[in-house]
């Protein structure tokens, strides 16, 4: 588990934007939709900047419950400034499930993979990209892959 935690910490250090606009959000959403469509993945995708939802799409095979997971993972990223997967894995490594902590409302937060911070150089975390519908490691990996594609484009 320590190796996975270090890997995610490295992803968060490397996957940093120089800017993040509404257009960037739409393009990131399009990349995620293409990946999901090409792989026939039943995922819901959500992208925010601050409190504003800039992109939201649900692929075939998803349900309204995926939106509940999106909201919980997004709140976790906003609260902790780190990916929801990293927050959950750190808690698990400490021997306490994230949702069992007394100060965590498990109806509002989720320490499960899929929520990733959108970080801008010199600014910090400005938004989130969140995926729901797969196993948590796969939700996380899809979000990371799409961000990597976008950042490679420049």
Protein backbone atom coordinates (compact mmCIF):
# COMPACT_ATOMS: atom_id res chain seq x y z
CA UNK A 1 0.00 0.00 0.00
CA UNK A 2 2.90 2.36 0.71
CA UNK A 3 4.01 2.08 -2.93
CA UNK A 4 0.55 2.98 -4.18
CA UNK A 5 0.40 5.97 -1.83
CA UNK A 6 3.80 7.20 -3.05
CA UNK A 7 2.71 6.71 -6.66
CA UNK A 8 -0.40 8.84 -6.15
CA UNK A 9 1.58 11.52 -4.32
CA UNK A 10 3.93 11.65 -7.32
CA UNK A 11 0.98 11.88 -9.73
CA UNK A 12 -0.35 14.86 -7.80
CA UNK A 13 3.04 16.59 -7.96
CA UNK A 14 3.45 15.94 -11.69
CA UNK A 15 -0.08 16.48 -13.02
CA UNK A 16 -0.17 20.24 -12.59
CA UNK A 17 -1.71 22.71 -15.01
CA UNK A 18 -0.36 26.14 -16.02
CA UNK A 19 -3.98 27.34 -16.25
CA UNK A 20 -7.43 25.79 -16.13
CA UNK A 21 -10.24 27.38 -18.12
CA UNK A 22 -13.80 26.41 -18.99
CA UNK A 23 -12.48 25.28 -22.37
CA UNK A 24 -9.88 23.09 -20.65
CA UNK A 25 -12.67 21.50 -18.62
CA UNK A 26 -14.71 20.76 -21.74
CA UNK A 27 -11.68 19.30 -23.53
CA UNK A 28 -10.78 17.17 -20.49
CA UNK A 29 -14.37 15.96 -20.36
CA UNK A 30 -14.21 15.08 -24.07
CA UNK A 31 -11.01 13.09 -23.51
CA UNK A 32 -12.64 11.19 -20.65
CA UNK A 33 -15.77 10.52 -22.71
CA UNK A 34 -13.70 9.24 -25.63
CA UNK A 35 -11.70 6.90 -23.36
CA UNK A 36 -14.91 5.66 -21.73
CA UNK A 37 -16.71 5.21 -25.05
CA UNK A 38 -13.75 3.44 -26.70
CA UNK A 39 -13.49 1.03 -23.74
CA UNK A 40 -17.25 0.71 -23.18
CA UNK A 41 -16.88 1.90 -19.58
CA UNK A 42 -20.02 2.68 -17.54
CA UNK A 43 -18.79 5.85 -15.85
CA UNK A 44 -20.11 9.21 -14.79
CA UNK A 45 -17.67 12.09 -15.28
CA UNK A 46 -17.67 15.43 -13.47
CA UNK A 47 -15.33 18.42 -13.68
CA UNK A 48 -15.44 21.51 -11.50
CA UNK A 49 -13.56 24.73 -10.94
CA UNK A 50 -14.21 25.96 -7.45
CA UNK A 51 -17.87 25.31 -6.73
CA UNK A 52 -18.88 25.60 -10.39
CA UNK A 53 -19.64 22.41 -12.30
CA UNK A 54 -18.12 22.87 -15.75
CA UNK A 55 -18.72 19.39 -17.19
CA UNK A 56 -20.91 16.43 -16.33
CA UNK A 57 -21.71 13.35 -18.39
CA UNK A 58 -23.07 9.89 -17.69
CA UNK A 59 -22.24 7.01 -19.99
CA UNK A 60 -24.57 4.08 -20.63
CA UNK A 61 -24.73 1.70 -17.68
CA UNK A 62 -24.57 4.38 -14.99
CA UNK A 63 -27.27 5.41 -12.55
CA UNK A 64 -28.21 8.37 -10.39
CA UNK A 65 -26.28 6.77 -7.54
CA UNK A 66 -23.05 7.52 -9.45
CA UNK A 67 -23.88 11.21 -9.00
CA UNK A 68 -24.00 10.65 -5.24
CA UNK A 69 -20.53 9.11 -5.36
CA UNK A 70 -19.30 11.99 -7.56
CA UNK A 71 -20.51 14.52 -4.98
CA UNK A 72 -18.89 12.66 -2.06
CA UNK A 73 -15.54 12.21 -3.83
CA UNK A 74 -15.53 15.83 -5.04
CA UNK A 75 -16.15 17.10 -1.49
CA UNK A 76 -13.26 14.97 -0.26
CA UNK A 77 -10.87 16.49 -2.81
CA UNK A 78 -12.04 20.00 -1.94
CA UNK A 79 -11.73 19.41 1.80
CA UNK A 80 -8.31 17.76 1.77
CA UNK A 81 -6.74 19.18 -1.41
CA UNK A 82 -5.72 15.68 -2.47
CA UNK A 83 -7.21 12.86 -4.48
CA UNK A 84 -10.02 10.96 -2.82
CA UNK A 85 -8.09 7.72 -3.39
CA UNK A 86 -5.00 9.04 -1.60
CA UNK A 87 -7.06 10.27 1.35
CA UNK A 88 -8.74 6.88 1.68
CA UNK A 89 -5.54 4.88 1.31
CA UNK A 90 -3.73 6.96 3.92
CA UNK A 91 -6.54 6.35 6.41
CA UNK A 92 -6.50 2.64 5.63
CA UNK A 93 -2.71 2.52 6.08
CA UNK A 94 -3.21 4.08 9.51
CA UNK A 95 -5.65 1.28 10.34
CA UNK A 96 -8.87 3.29 10.27
CA UNK A 97 -11.24 3.42 7.30
CA UNK A 98 -11.69 7.03 6.21
CA UNK A 99 -15.45 7.01 6.64
CA UNK A 100 -15.15 5.66 10.23
CA UNK A 101 -13.34 8.74 11.50
CA UNK A 102 -15.57 10.59 13.97
CA UNK A 103 -15.28 13.96 12.19
CA UNK A 104 -16.20 12.54 8.77
CA UNK A 105 -19.81 12.49 7.60
CA UNK A 106 -19.82 9.40 5.38
CA UNK A 107 -22.93 10.64 3.60
CA UNK A 108 -21.00 13.73 2.43
CA UNK A 109 -17.43 12.44 1.94
CA UNK A 110 -15.83 9.35 0.40
CA UNK A 111 -12.25 8.15 0.65
CA UNK A 112 -12.59 6.13 -2.55
CA UNK A 113 -10.71 6.52 -5.81
CA UNK A 114 -12.00 8.69 -8.61
CA UNK A 115 -11.69 12.27 -7.40
CA UNK A 116 -8.49 14.05 -8.45
CA UNK A 117 -7.45 17.66 -7.78
CA UNK A 118 -6.95 20.11 -10.60
CA UNK A 119 -3.90 22.03 -9.46
CA UNK A 120 -2.57 25.16 -11.16
CA UNK A 121 1.08 26.18 -10.79
CA UNK A 122 1.44 29.07 -8.37
CA UNK A 123 -2.23 28.89 -7.36
CA UNK A 124 -2.94 25.46 -5.89
CA UNK A 125 -6.03 23.29 -6.16
CA UNK A 126 -8.65 25.08 -8.23
CA UNK A 127 -11.02 22.26 -9.08
CA UNK A 128 -11.70 18.57 -9.42
CA UNK A 129 -12.10 15.86 -11.99
CA UNK A 130 -14.15 12.95 -10.70
CA UNK A 131 -15.04 9.57 -12.18
CA UNK A 132 -17.53 7.07 -10.75
CA UNK A 133 -18.67 3.67 -11.97
CA UNK A 134 -15.65 1.38 -11.85
CA UNK A 135 -13.57 -0.11 -9.05
CA UNK A 136 -11.94 2.75 -7.16
CA UNK A 137 -8.43 2.14 -8.51
CA UNK A 138 -9.84 2.13 -12.05
CA UNK A 139 -11.86 5.33 -11.49
CA UNK A 140 -8.66 6.98 -10.27
CA UNK A 141 -6.57 5.61 -13.14
CA UNK A 142 -9.03 6.86 -15.76
CA UNK A 143 -9.02 10.39 -14.33
CA UNK A 144 -5.21 10.41 -14.15
CA UNK A 145 -4.87 9.07 -17.69
CA UNK A 146 -7.11 11.79 -19.11
CA UNK A 147 -5.29 14.56 -17.24
CA UNK A 148 -2.01 13.17 -18.57
CA UNK A 149 -3.35 13.25 -22.13
CA UNK A 150 -4.44 16.88 -21.71
CA UNK A 151 -1.18 18.04 -20.15
CA UNK A 152 0.85 16.27 -22.85
CA UNK A 153 -1.01 18.34 -25.44
CA UNK A 154 0.34 21.49 -23.82
